[in-house]
Amino acid sequence: MYYRFGKECLSCRTIAYLKMDVRNAIICDSWTNGARAHVELAKLPQYPNKVIVKSFRKGTLIFFINEVVTLSYLRNIGVTPRILGLNLGKKILILEYMDGERLLEWVLRKCSRQSVDLKDYRNIHGIDTNPVIGAAFSVFQKSKDPEITYVKNEIQKCYRKIHRRKISQGDVRPRNLICRGGSVAAIDFDLALPMARPADRDNVLLMKWYGICM
């Protein structure tokens, strides 16, 4: 069952956890393509700014705990969202909203050789095999454009900070990176691992998607 706000909705279990006034809730956006969690951008009475409500699906407790532990450890490095609240029983995380544009949409907008409707890629499955996405990121990798080069450098800066803490994010795909004006931030750490050489793990996808390595 869901409470509806126009075309958007917020699950009952999230509302029950937050004990929020349903009439005052505003759901701004949602992402449903995650295998382990459903993500909503919301304005909640308890918080002055928009927040991310991440509700983990059945059978994902270990991933929930992993994200909580990892983000708590990385909370002061400036390129990951802060945890604002959580409920272990319901597997719900309230996270700082990293305002900006996902790198997936940024690259499609800047590098696609054909006209694309970015709305079609918001909840897309099969990101690794989509030919339009693949072609755009091939252009991104090879480009010497100053703006694109700057973004590549910011991706490296972001992961340099994470890897200094001996953490591998695990999934460095472009829907888990946010372009925030002059910087890049990383989100989604439920696959993260502590490692002596975290770049060894992350470099596989960093090279595949962005043509860079640490």
Foldseek 3Di string as FASTA:
>chain_A
DWDDDVPDTDRPVVCVVVVFDVVPKDWDDWADQDPFWTWTWIDTPVDPDIKIKIFTDPPQLLLLVQQVVLCVLLVPLPQEWHFPDADSVRSITITHDQDAAQQQLVLLVVFFPDDDDVVVVRHDPPCVPDPRSLRSLVRLQPDPPPVSVQQLVQVVVQVVSVCVSQKAQQDPPRRQWGDRPNHIHGYRRSVMDRHPGNQVRNQVVCCSRRVDGD
